[in-house]
Amino acid sequence: MNYENYVLSNFKAISTNESLARMIVSSFVSSTDIGLNDLLDIKTAVSEAVTNAIIHGYDEKNGEVSMLCALNDGILHIEITDYGKGISNIEKARTPLFTSKPELERSGMGFTVMEMLMDSLEVISEEGKGTKIILTKKISSNDED
């Protein structure tokens, strides 16, 4: 797809880079008329997606996360990809309160939170090859959310 603007970043799958991902997306949309509530929603959704990649995709072992942030016609498009173990049952993983890591006291609400905060959420995964989370959000300049 031809985007008006985009940034592609790759970073090591470690928890400290979750804040880096938030800063990247925040900086990327700063040139738009984005409202504060929308910005906070986007940053939270990105945090959830990157955290899932680190904790579930790689079991907190070595790996890399790729993040594409793109703008086209007032729509923010974000893809967060890991190349880890993948998800065997996406429908089950998207069920509220389901977690594959109960020993880590995970809430199982990551996908639900992303879905609530963004206009759309798509999950593409293949076992042994990784997972791609695709988030979209129409950028608006009002804060009446």
C-alpha atoms as a PDB file:
ATOM      1  CA  MET A   1       0.000   0.000   0.000  1.00  0.00           C
ATOM      2  CA  ASN A   2       1.191   3.531  -0.709  1.00  0.00           C
ATOM      3  CA  TYR A   3       1.069   5.575   2.487  1.00  0.00           C
ATOM      4  CA  GLU A   4       1.256   9.367   2.789  1.00  0.00           C
ATOM      5  CA  ASN A   5       3.854   8.834   5.490  1.00  0.00           C
ATOM      6  CA  TYR A   6       5.240   5.885   7.440  1.00  0.00           C
ATOM      7  CA  VAL A   7       7.970   4.794   9.789  1.00  0.00           C
ATOM      8  CA  LEU A   8       9.224   1.241  10.204  1.00  0.00           C
ATOM      9  CA  SER A   9      11.192   0.290  13.268  1.00  0.00           C
ATOM     10  CA  ASN A  10      12.686  -2.934  14.560  1.00  0.00           C
ATOM     11  CA  PHE A  11      13.724  -3.451  18.143  1.00  0.00           C
ATOM     12  CA  LYS A  12      14.782  -6.199  20.498  1.00  0.00           C
ATOM     13  CA  ALA A  13      11.881  -7.973  22.209  1.00  0.00           C
ATOM     14  CA  ILE A  14      12.611  -6.776  25.740  1.00  0.00           C
ATOM     15  CA  SER A  15      10.214  -5.059  28.120  1.00  0.00           C
ATOM     16  CA  THR A  16      12.124  -1.763  28.209  1.00  0.00           C
ATOM     17  CA  ASN A  17      11.386  -1.315  24.506  1.00  0.00           C
ATOM     18  CA  GLU A  18       7.645  -1.205  25.143  1.00  0.00           C
ATOM     19  CA  SER A  19       8.080   2.454  26.174  1.00  0.00           C
ATOM     20  CA  LEU A  20      10.183   3.034  23.043  1.00  0.00           C
ATOM     21  CA  ALA A  21       7.304   1.772  20.887  1.00  0.00           C
ATOM     22  CA  ARG A  22       4.932   4.179  22.674  1.00  0.00           C
ATOM     23  CA  MET A  23       7.305   7.083  22.023  1.00  0.00           C
ATOM     24  CA  ILE A  24       7.705   6.163  18.352  1.00  0.00           C
ATOM     25  CA  VAL A  25       3.965   6.096  17.685  1.00  0.00           C
ATOM     26  CA  SER A  26       3.423   9.249  19.747  1.00  0.00           C
ATOM     27  CA  SER A  27       6.116  11.127  17.835  1.00  0.00           C
ATOM     28  CA  PHE A  28       4.821   9.807  14.530  1.00  0.00           C
ATOM     29  CA  VAL A  29       1.271  11.137  15.042  1.00  0.00           C
ATOM     30  CA  SER A  30       2.404  14.416  16.628  1.00  0.00           C
ATOM     31  CA  SER A  31       2.233  16.179  13.264  1.00  0.00           C
ATOM     32  CA  THR A  32      -1.510  15.463  13.044  1.00  0.00           C
ATOM     33  CA  ASP A  33      -4.390  17.147  14.851  1.00  0.00           C
ATOM     34  CA  ILE A  34      -4.822  14.135  17.088  1.00  0.00           C
ATOM     35  CA  GLY A  35      -6.787  14.610  20.280  1.00  0.00           C
ATOM     36  CA  LEU A  36      -5.246  13.739  23.622  1.00  0.00           C
ATOM     37  CA  ASN A  37      -7.734  10.936  24.331  1.00  0.00           C
ATOM     38  CA  ASP A  38      -7.034   9.310  20.970  1.00  0.00           C
ATOM     39  CA  LEU A  39      -3.287   9.589  21.560  1.00  0.00           C
ATOM     40  CA  LEU A  40      -3.579   7.913  24.951  1.00  0.00           C
ATOM     41  CA  ASP A  41      -5.737   5.143  23.447  1.00  0.00           C
ATOM     42  CA  ILE A  42      -3.200   4.507  20.685  1.00  0.00           C
ATOM     43  CA  LYS A  43      -0.254   4.421  23.081  1.00  0.00           C
ATOM     44  CA  THR A  44      -2.082   1.968  25.354  1.00  0.00           C
ATOM     45  CA  ALA A  45      -3.020  -0.321  22.447  1.00  0.00           C
ATOM     46  CA  VAL A  46       0.594  -0.294  21.199  1.00  0.00           C
ATOM     47  CA  SER A  47       1.806  -1.149  24.705  1.00  0.00           C
ATOM     48  CA  GLU A  48      -0.544  -4.120  24.854  1.00  0.00           C
ATOM     49  CA  ALA A  49       0.509  -5.411  21.422  1.00  0.00           C
ATOM     50  CA  VAL A  50       4.247  -5.046  22.073  1.00  0.00           C
ATOM     51  CA  THR A  51       3.942  -6.618  25.529  1.00  0.00           C
ATOM     52  CA  ASN A  52       2.069  -9.574  24.012  1.00  0.00           C
ATOM     53  CA  ALA A  53       4.830 -10.019  21.428  1.00  0.00           C
ATOM     54  CA  ILE A  54       7.524 -10.051  24.116  1.00  0.00           C
ATOM     55  CA  ILE A  55       5.770 -12.195  26.710  1.00  0.00           C
ATOM     56  CA  HIS A  56       3.790 -14.594  24.527  1.00  0.00           C
ATOM     57  CA  GLY A  57       5.594 -14.544  21.179  1.00  0.00           C
ATOM     58  CA  TYR A  58       9.051 -15.131  22.588  1.00  0.00           C
ATOM     59  CA  ASP A  59       8.380 -16.297  26.146  1.00  0.00           C
ATOM     60  CA  GLU A  60      10.608 -13.372  27.173  1.00  0.00           C
ATOM     61  CA  LYS A  61      13.564 -14.886  25.288  1.00  0.00           C
ATOM     62  CA  ASN A  62      15.612 -13.380  22.446  1.00  0.00           C
ATOM     63  CA  GLY A  63      13.628 -12.031  19.551  1.00  0.00           C
ATOM     64  CA  GLU A  64      12.758  -8.981  17.510  1.00  0.00           C
ATOM     65  CA  VAL A  65       9.614  -6.900  17.148  1.00  0.00           C
ATOM     66  CA  SER A  66       8.830  -4.921  14.017  1.00  0.00           C
ATOM     67  CA  MET A  67       6.476  -1.935  14.130  1.00  0.00           C
ATOM     68  CA  LEU A  68       5.051  -0.097  11.134  1.00  0.00           C
ATOM     69  CA  CYS A  69       3.217   3.177  11.771  1.00  0.00           C
ATOM     70  CA  ALA A  70       1.586   4.658   8.687  1.00  0.00           C
ATOM     71  CA  LEU A  71      -0.850   7.440   7.832  1.00  0.00           C
ATOM     72  CA  ASN A  72      -3.179   7.570   4.879  1.00  0.00           C
ATOM     73  CA  ASP A  73      -6.275   9.769   4.451  1.00  0.00           C
ATOM     74  CA  GLY A  74      -6.526  10.496   8.184  1.00  0.00           C
ATOM     75  CA  ILE A  75      -6.271   6.823   9.172  1.00  0.00           C
ATOM     76  CA  LEU A  76      -3.438   5.611  11.398  1.00  0.00           C
ATOM     77  CA  HIS A  77      -2.359   2.085  10.534  1.00  0.00           C
ATOM     78  CA  ILE A  78      -0.095   0.205  12.971  1.00  0.00           C
ATOM     79  CA  GLU A  79       1.354  -3.259  12.457  1.00  0.00           C
ATOM     80  CA  ILE A  80       3.241  -4.940  15.281  1.00  0.00           C
ATOM     81  CA  THR A  81       4.923  -8.179  14.270  1.00  0.00           C
ATOM     82  CA  ASP A  82       6.887 -10.798  16.161  1.00  0.00           C
ATOM     83  CA  TYR A  83       8.600 -13.803  14.642  1.00  0.00           C
ATOM     84  CA  GLY A  84       8.070 -16.051  17.631  1.00  0.00           C
ATOM     85  CA  LYS A  85       5.981 -19.106  18.350  1.00  0.00           C
ATOM     86  CA  GLY A  86       2.646 -17.859  16.996  1.00  0.00           C
ATOM     87  CA  ILE A  87      -0.860 -18.411  18.343  1.00  0.00           C
ATOM     88  CA  SER A  88      -2.464 -21.835  17.938  1.00  0.00           C
ATOM     89  CA  ASN A  89      -6.046 -20.642  18.501  1.00  0.00           C
ATOM     90  CA  ILE A  90      -6.608 -16.935  17.788  1.00  0.00           C
ATOM     91  CA  GLU A  91     -10.305 -17.042  18.692  1.00  0.00           C
ATOM     92  CA  LYS A  92      -9.502 -18.513  22.118  1.00  0.00           C
ATOM     93  CA  ALA A  93      -6.631 -16.049  22.641  1.00  0.00           C
ATOM     94  CA  ARG A  94      -9.026 -13.148  21.940  1.00  0.00           C
ATOM     95  CA  THR A  95     -11.482 -14.349  24.598  1.00  0.00           C
ATOM     96  CA  PRO A  96     -11.597 -11.880  27.525  1.00  0.00           C
ATOM     97  CA  LEU A  97      -9.710 -13.122  30.596  1.00  0.00           C
ATOM     98  CA  PHE A  98      -7.944 -15.935  28.695  1.00  0.00           C
ATOM     99  CA  THR A  99      -4.216 -16.028  29.338  1.00  0.00           C
ATOM    100  CA  SER A 100      -1.568 -18.542  28.422  1.00  0.00           C
ATOM    101  CA  LYS A 101       0.621 -17.193  31.235  1.00  0.00           C
ATOM    102  CA  PRO A 102      -1.421 -17.427  34.470  1.00  0.00           C
ATOM    103  CA  GLU A 103       1.810 -17.904  36.432  1.00  0.00           C
ATOM    104  CA  LEU A 104       2.765 -14.332  35.462  1.00  0.00           C
ATOM    105  CA  GLU A 105      -0.582 -13.037  36.758  1.00  0.00           C
ATOM    106  CA  ARG A 106      -1.534 -11.821  33.280  1.00  0.00           C
ATOM    107  CA  SER A 107      -5.082 -10.447  33.083  1.00  0.00           C
ATOM    108  CA  GLY A 108      -5.955 -11.904  29.698  1.00  0.00           C
ATOM    109  CA  MET A 109      -7.397  -8.577  28.541  1.00  0.00           C
ATOM    110  CA  GLY A 110      -4.760  -7.455  26.005  1.00  0.00           C
ATOM    111  CA  PHE A 111      -6.759  -8.127  22.838  1.00  0.00           C
ATOM    112  CA  THR A 112      -9.959  -6.825  24.449  1.00  0.00           C
ATOM    113  CA  VAL A 113      -8.242  -3.571  25.432  1.00  0.00           C
ATOM    114  CA  MET A 114      -6.767  -3.132  21.940  1.00  0.00           C
ATOM    115  CA  GLU A 115     -10.168  -3.785  20.370  1.00  0.00           C
ATOM    116  CA  MET A 116     -11.907  -1.274  22.649  1.00  0.00           C
ATOM    117  CA  LEU A 117      -9.370   1.505  22.072  1.00  0.00           C
ATOM    118  CA  MET A 118      -8.867   1.210  18.335  1.00  0.00           C
ATOM    119  CA  ASP A 119     -11.274   1.315  15.389  1.00  0.00           C
ATOM    120  CA  SER A 120     -10.156  -2.104  14.207  1.00  0.00           C
ATOM    121  CA  LEU A 121      -7.969  -4.992  15.317  1.00  0.00           C
ATOM    122  CA  GLU A 122      -6.808  -7.864  13.155  1.00  0.00           C
ATOM    123  CA  VAL A 123      -4.693 -10.764  14.377  1.00  0.00           C
ATOM    124  CA  ILE A 124      -2.740 -12.866  11.890  1.00  0.00           C
ATOM    125  CA  SER A 125      -0.678 -15.717  13.270  1.00  0.00           C
ATOM    126  CA  GLU A 126       1.001 -18.926  12.225  1.00  0.00           C
ATOM    127  CA  GLU A 127       2.437 -21.379  14.689  1.00  0.00           C
ATOM    128  CA  GLY A 128       6.215 -21.383  14.632  1.00  0.00           C
ATOM    129  CA  LYS A 129       6.374 -18.256  12.456  1.00  0.00           C
ATOM    130  CA  GLY A 130       4.951 -15.454  14.570  1.00  0.00           C
ATOM    131  CA  THR A 131       2.075 -13.032  14.939  1.00  0.00           C
ATOM    132  CA  LYS A 132       1.076  -9.754  13.347  1.00  0.00           C
ATOM    133  CA  ILE A 133      -1.319  -7.369  15.092  1.00  0.00           C
ATOM    134  CA  ILE A 134      -2.901  -4.769  12.801  1.00  0.00           C
ATOM    135  CA  LEU A 135      -4.496  -1.759  14.483  1.00  0.00           C
ATOM    136  CA  THR A 136      -6.258   1.168  12.818  1.00  0.00           C
ATOM    137  CA  LYS A 137      -7.627   4.429  14.177  1.00  0.00           C
ATOM    138  CA  LYS A 138      -9.178   7.442  12.486  1.00  0.00           C
ATOM    139  CA  ILE A 139      -7.294  10.494  13.678  1.00  0.00           C
ATOM    140  CA  SER A 140      -9.642  13.147  15.034  1.00  0.00           C
ATOM    141  CA  SER A 141      -8.802  16.455  16.630  1.00  0.00           C
ATOM    142  CA  ASN A 142     -11.559  16.480  19.230  1.00  0.00           C
ATOM    143  CA  ASP A 143     -11.256  15.254  22.787  1.00  0.00           C
ATOM    144  CA  GLU A 144     -14.937  14.571  23.365  1.00  0.00           C
ATOM    145  CA  ASP A 145     -14.420  10.787  23.663  1.00  0.00           C
END
